[in-house]
C-alpha atoms as a PDB file:
ATOM      1  CA  MET A   1       0.000   0.000   0.000  1.00  0.00           C
ATOM      2  CA  ASP A   2       2.854   2.356   0.794  1.00  0.00           C
ATOM      3  CA  PHE A   3       4.321   1.837  -2.687  1.00  0.00           C
ATOM      4  CA  ILE A   4       1.018   2.798  -4.308  1.00  0.00           C
ATOM      5  CA  SER A   5       0.756   6.051  -2.344  1.00  0.00           C
ATOM      6  CA  ASP A   6       4.368   6.916  -3.268  1.00  0.00           C
ATOM      7  CA  VAL A   7       3.612   6.407  -6.952  1.00  0.00           C
ATOM      8  CA  VAL A   8       0.437   8.486  -6.742  1.00  0.00           C
ATOM      9  CA  ILE A   9       2.190  11.358  -4.949  1.00  0.00           C
ATOM     10  CA  LYS A  10       5.068  11.372  -7.455  1.00  0.00           C
ATOM     11  CA  LEU A  11       2.669  11.308 -10.403  1.00  0.00           C
ATOM     12  CA  LEU A  12       0.658  14.151  -8.889  1.00  0.00           C
ATOM     13  CA  ALA A  13       3.865  16.118  -8.244  1.00  0.00           C
ATOM     14  CA  HIS A  14       4.914  15.670 -11.867  1.00  0.00           C
ATOM     15  CA  ARG A  15       1.527  16.870 -13.124  1.00  0.00           C
ATOM     16  CA  ILE A  16       1.615  19.924 -10.854  1.00  0.00           C
ATOM     17  CA  GLY A  17       5.148  20.700 -12.056  1.00  0.00           C
ATOM     18  CA  VAL A  18       4.041  20.492 -15.687  1.00  0.00           C
ATOM     19  CA  LEU A  19       1.077  22.740 -14.952  1.00  0.00           C
ATOM     20  CA  LEU A  20       3.330  25.275 -13.197  1.00  0.00           C
ATOM     21  CA  SER A  21       5.683  25.239 -16.169  1.00  0.00           C
ATOM     22  CA  LEU A  22       2.821  25.930 -18.551  1.00  0.00           C
ATOM     23  CA  LEU A  23       1.283  28.668 -16.414  1.00  0.00           C
ATOM     24  CA  THR A  24       4.544  30.521 -15.772  1.00  0.00           C
ATOM     25  CA  GLY A  25       5.905  30.357 -19.289  1.00  0.00           C
ATOM     26  CA  GLY A  26       8.635  27.836 -18.437  1.00  0.00           C
ATOM     27  CA  ARG A  27       9.939  29.398 -15.237  1.00  0.00           C
ATOM     28  CA  PHE A  28       9.380  26.173 -13.271  1.00  0.00           C
ATOM     29  CA  LYS A  29      10.968  23.467 -15.393  1.00  0.00           C
ATOM     30  CA  GLY A  30      12.569  20.182 -14.510  1.00  0.00           C
ATOM     31  CA  GLU A  31      13.619  19.777 -10.906  1.00  0.00           C
ATOM     32  CA  SER A  32      12.216  23.059  -9.597  1.00  0.00           C
ATOM     33  CA  GLY A  33       8.787  22.297 -11.065  1.00  0.00           C
ATOM     34  CA  PHE A  34       8.871  18.805  -9.611  1.00  0.00           C
ATOM     35  CA  ALA A  35       9.992  20.140  -6.223  1.00  0.00           C
ATOM     36  CA  TRP A  36       7.099  22.616  -6.080  1.00  0.00           C
ATOM     37  CA  GLY A  37       4.705  19.942  -7.257  1.00  0.00           C
ATOM     38  CA  LEU A  38       5.984  17.519  -4.637  1.00  0.00           C
ATOM     39  CA  ALA A  39       5.576  20.118  -1.900  1.00  0.00           C
ATOM     40  CA  VAL A  40       1.983  20.806  -2.949  1.00  0.00           C
ATOM     41  CA  ALA A  41       1.138  17.110  -3.300  1.00  0.00           C
ATOM     42  CA  ILE A  42       2.574  16.178   0.111  1.00  0.00           C
ATOM     43  CA  GLY A  43       0.918  19.172   1.770  1.00  0.00           C
ATOM     44  CA  ALA A  44      -2.421  18.251   0.249  1.00  0.00           C
ATOM     45  CA  TRP A  45      -1.997  14.603   1.259  1.00  0.00           C
ATOM     46  CA  TYR A  46      -1.217  15.365   4.905  1.00  0.00           C
ATOM     47  CA  CYS A  47      -4.113  17.813   5.168  1.00  0.00           C
ATOM     48  CA  SER A  48      -6.627  15.403   3.628  1.00  0.00           C
ATOM     49  CA  PRO A  49      -8.812  12.992   5.584  1.00  0.00           C
ATOM     50  CA  LEU A  50      -7.317  10.124   3.568  1.00  0.00           C
ATOM     51  CA  SER A  51      -4.009  10.459   5.401  1.00  0.00           C
ATOM     52  CA  GLN A  52      -5.781   9.523   8.651  1.00  0.00           C
ATOM     53  CA  LEU A  53      -6.877   6.108   7.373  1.00  0.00           C
ATOM     54  CA  PRO A  54      -5.188   3.090   8.961  1.00  0.00           C
END
């Protein structure tokens, strides 16, 4: 189960990074876009009720 959540968070981070790159005209590309996406994805995960499930 832990592997699945890792894959989902990384996929979500990648998508957020791509979206940031498109919205900012390429300012957030590559690692910086992924880093921002990862921060948003992890923040959203820990604030969601799903993170409280056993």
